[in-house]
N, C-alpha and C. Protein backbone atom coordinates (compact mmCIF):
# COMPACT_ATOMS: atom_id res chain seq x y z
N MET A 1 8.58 45.47 -10.47
CA MET A 1 9.52 44.48 -10.02
C MET A 1 10.89 44.77 -10.62
N HIS A 2 11.91 44.68 -9.81
CA HIS A 2 13.27 44.97 -10.26
C HIS A 2 13.92 43.74 -10.88
N GLU A 3 14.58 43.97 -11.99
CA GLU A 3 15.37 42.91 -12.58
C GLU A 3 16.78 43.06 -12.06
N THR A 4 17.30 42.04 -11.46
CA THR A 4 18.68 42.11 -10.98
C THR A 4 19.61 41.66 -12.08
N LYS A 5 20.69 42.40 -12.21
CA LYS A 5 21.69 42.02 -13.21
C LYS A 5 22.54 40.90 -12.67
N LYS A 6 22.76 39.92 -13.50
CA LYS A 6 23.64 38.82 -13.11
C LYS A 6 25.04 39.15 -13.61
N ARG A 7 26.02 38.83 -12.80
CA ARG A 7 27.39 39.07 -13.19
C ARG A 7 27.77 38.14 -14.32
N LYS A 8 28.55 38.67 -15.24
CA LYS A 8 29.06 37.85 -16.34
C LYS A 8 30.35 37.21 -15.87
N PHE A 9 30.49 35.96 -16.15
CA PHE A 9 31.73 35.26 -15.84
C PHE A 9 32.40 34.91 -17.16
N HIS A 10 33.64 35.33 -17.29
CA HIS A 10 34.38 35.11 -18.52
C HIS A 10 35.43 34.03 -18.30
N THR A 11 35.65 33.25 -19.33
CA THR A 11 36.64 32.19 -19.25
C THR A 11 38.03 32.79 -19.23
N PRO A 12 38.99 32.06 -18.68
CA PRO A 12 40.38 32.55 -18.71
C PRO A 12 40.86 32.79 -20.15
N GLU A 13 40.43 31.97 -21.09
CA GLU A 13 40.84 32.13 -22.48
C GLU A 13 40.34 33.47 -23.04
N PHE A 14 39.11 33.82 -22.70
CA PHE A 14 38.54 35.10 -23.15
C PHE A 14 39.31 36.26 -22.54
N LYS A 15 39.62 36.16 -21.25
CA LYS A 15 40.35 37.24 -20.57
C LYS A 15 41.73 37.44 -21.19
N VAL A 16 42.41 36.34 -21.51
CA VAL A 16 43.74 36.44 -22.13
C VAL A 16 43.62 37.10 -23.51
N LYS A 17 42.62 36.70 -24.27
CA LYS A 17 42.41 37.26 -25.60
C LYS A 17 42.22 38.78 -25.52
N VAL A 18 41.39 39.23 -24.61
CA VAL A 18 41.11 40.65 -24.45
C VAL A 18 42.36 41.38 -23.92
N ALA A 19 43.04 40.78 -22.95
CA ALA A 19 44.23 41.40 -22.37
C ALA A 19 45.35 41.53 -23.41
N LEU A 20 45.54 40.51 -24.24
CA LEU A 20 46.55 40.58 -25.29
C LEU A 20 46.23 41.69 -26.28
N GLU A 21 44.97 41.83 -26.59
CA GLU A 21 44.53 42.92 -27.48
C GLU A 21 44.89 44.27 -26.86
N ALA A 22 44.68 44.41 -25.57
CA ALA A 22 45.00 45.65 -24.88
C ALA A 22 46.52 45.89 -24.84
N LEU A 23 47.29 44.82 -24.67
CA LEU A 23 48.75 44.95 -24.64
C LEU A 23 49.31 45.40 -25.99
N ARG A 24 48.67 45.00 -27.05
CA ARG A 24 49.15 45.40 -28.39
C ARG A 24 49.15 46.91 -28.54
N GLY A 25 48.20 47.58 -27.92
CA GLY A 25 48.15 49.04 -27.95
C GLY A 25 47.68 49.63 -29.26
N VAL A 26 47.08 48.83 -30.12
CA VAL A 26 46.59 49.34 -31.40
C VAL A 26 45.34 50.18 -31.19
N ARG A 27 44.48 49.72 -30.28
CA ARG A 27 43.23 50.44 -29.98
C ARG A 27 43.20 50.78 -28.50
N THR A 28 42.33 51.70 -28.14
CA THR A 28 42.21 52.09 -26.74
C THR A 28 41.48 51.02 -25.95
N ILE A 29 41.66 51.07 -24.65
CA ILE A 29 40.97 50.13 -23.77
C ILE A 29 39.46 50.29 -23.89
N ASN A 30 39.01 51.53 -24.07
CA ASN A 30 37.56 51.76 -24.24
C ASN A 30 37.04 51.09 -25.50
N GLU A 31 37.79 51.19 -26.60
CA GLU A 31 37.36 50.56 -27.86
C GLU A 31 37.32 49.04 -27.72
N ILE A 32 38.33 48.48 -27.05
CA ILE A 32 38.38 47.03 -26.85
C ILE A 32 37.21 46.58 -25.98
N GLY A 33 36.95 47.32 -24.92
CA GLY A 33 35.83 47.00 -24.04
C GLY A 33 34.51 47.01 -24.78
N GLN A 34 34.32 48.01 -25.64
CA GLN A 34 33.08 48.08 -26.42
C GLN A 34 32.94 46.89 -27.35
N GLU A 35 34.04 46.54 -28.03
CA GLU A 35 33.97 45.43 -28.99
C GLU A 35 33.61 44.12 -28.31
N TYR A 36 34.20 43.85 -27.15
CA TYR A 36 34.00 42.57 -26.47
C TYR A 36 32.87 42.60 -25.44
N GLY A 37 32.25 43.76 -25.24
CA GLY A 37 31.16 43.86 -24.28
C GLY A 37 31.62 43.75 -22.84
N VAL A 38 32.79 44.32 -22.56
CA VAL A 38 33.39 44.25 -21.23
C VAL A 38 33.67 45.67 -20.77
N HIS A 39 33.49 45.93 -19.49
CA HIS A 39 33.78 47.26 -18.96
C HIS A 39 35.27 47.57 -19.11
N PRO A 40 35.61 48.79 -19.52
CA PRO A 40 37.02 49.15 -19.70
C PRO A 40 37.89 48.94 -18.45
N VAL A 41 37.31 49.09 -17.28
CA VAL A 41 38.08 48.85 -16.04
C VAL A 41 38.51 47.39 -15.97
N ALA A 42 37.63 46.49 -16.38
CA ALA A 42 37.97 45.06 -16.38
C ALA A 42 39.08 44.78 -17.39
N VAL A 43 39.01 45.43 -18.55
CA VAL A 43 40.04 45.24 -19.58
C VAL A 43 41.39 45.68 -19.02
N GLY A 44 41.43 46.83 -18.37
CA GLY A 44 42.67 47.33 -17.79
C GLY A 44 43.19 46.42 -16.70
N HIS A 45 42.29 45.88 -15.90
CA HIS A 45 42.69 44.96 -14.82
C HIS A 45 43.29 43.69 -15.40
N TRP A 46 42.65 43.13 -16.42
CA TRP A 46 43.15 41.90 -17.04
C TRP A 46 44.51 42.14 -17.69
N LYS A 47 44.68 43.32 -18.29
CA LYS A 47 45.96 43.68 -18.92
C LYS A 47 47.07 43.70 -17.86
N LYS A 48 46.81 44.35 -16.73
CA LYS A 48 47.80 44.42 -15.65
C LYS A 48 48.11 43.04 -15.10
N GLU A 49 47.09 42.20 -14.92
CA GLU A 49 47.29 40.84 -14.43
C GLU A 49 48.16 40.04 -15.39
N LEU A 50 47.90 40.18 -16.68
CA LEU A 50 48.68 39.45 -17.68
C LEU A 50 50.14 39.89 -17.63
N GLN A 51 50.37 41.19 -17.52
CA GLN A 51 51.74 41.69 -17.44
C GLN A 51 52.44 41.18 -16.19
N LYS A 52 51.73 41.17 -15.08
CA LYS A 52 52.30 40.74 -13.81
C LYS A 52 52.63 39.25 -13.82
N GLU A 53 51.74 38.44 -14.37
CA GLU A 53 51.89 36.99 -14.32
C GLU A 53 52.74 36.44 -15.47
N ALA A 54 52.97 37.20 -16.50
CA ALA A 54 53.71 36.70 -17.67
C ALA A 54 55.13 36.29 -17.30
N LYS A 55 55.74 36.97 -16.36
CA LYS A 55 57.13 36.65 -16.01
C LYS A 55 57.26 35.24 -15.45
N THR A 56 56.20 34.70 -14.87
CA THR A 56 56.28 33.36 -14.31
C THR A 56 56.47 32.30 -15.39
N LEU A 57 56.11 32.63 -16.62
CA LEU A 57 56.32 31.69 -17.73
C LEU A 57 57.80 31.38 -17.91
N PHE A 58 58.65 32.34 -17.62
CA PHE A 58 60.07 32.19 -17.86
C PHE A 58 60.86 31.88 -16.59
N GLU A 59 60.17 31.81 -15.47
CA GLU A 59 60.84 31.50 -14.21
C GLU A 59 60.97 29.99 -14.00
N ARG A 60 60.17 29.22 -14.68
CA ARG A 60 60.21 27.78 -14.53
C ARG A 60 61.52 27.25 -15.08
N LYS A 61 62.04 26.22 -14.45
CA LYS A 61 63.27 25.61 -14.92
C LYS A 61 63.01 24.89 -16.22
N GLN A 62 63.95 25.03 -17.13
CA GLN A 62 63.85 24.33 -18.41
C GLN A 62 64.57 22.99 -18.27
N GLY A 63 64.07 22.00 -18.89
CA GLY A 63 64.72 20.70 -18.83
C GLY A 63 63.82 19.70 -18.15
N PRO A 64 64.30 18.45 -18.09
CA PRO A 64 63.47 17.39 -17.52
C PRO A 64 63.31 17.54 -16.01
N SER A 65 62.18 17.11 -15.52
CA SER A 65 61.91 17.12 -14.09
C SER A 65 62.67 15.96 -13.45
N PRO A 66 63.17 16.15 -12.23
CA PRO A 66 63.84 15.03 -11.58
C PRO A 66 62.86 13.90 -11.31
N MET A 67 63.31 12.68 -11.50
CA MET A 67 62.46 11.51 -11.28
C MET A 67 62.39 11.23 -9.78
N ALA A 68 61.22 10.88 -9.32
CA ALA A 68 61.06 10.54 -7.91
C ALA A 68 61.62 9.13 -7.70
N SER A 69 62.40 8.97 -6.65
CA SER A 69 62.97 7.65 -6.41
C SER A 69 61.93 6.75 -5.72
N HIS A 70 61.91 5.50 -6.09
CA HIS A 70 60.92 4.56 -5.56
C HIS A 70 61.44 3.82 -4.37
């Protein structure tokens, strides 16, 4: 009888933690993947996603939101 592998689902917090580690560049993506039990391709993907989406943090307007009129 075959055992089917179930996909692992990681929380967004876990993905950010791993991606930030990869961005630091202290260790290779392979080393990071081994430590966290994640395939290196996934680590690289999360790193690219973090880089791509990080700019949106600074695109938001600073200051109070306009109040909706009643």
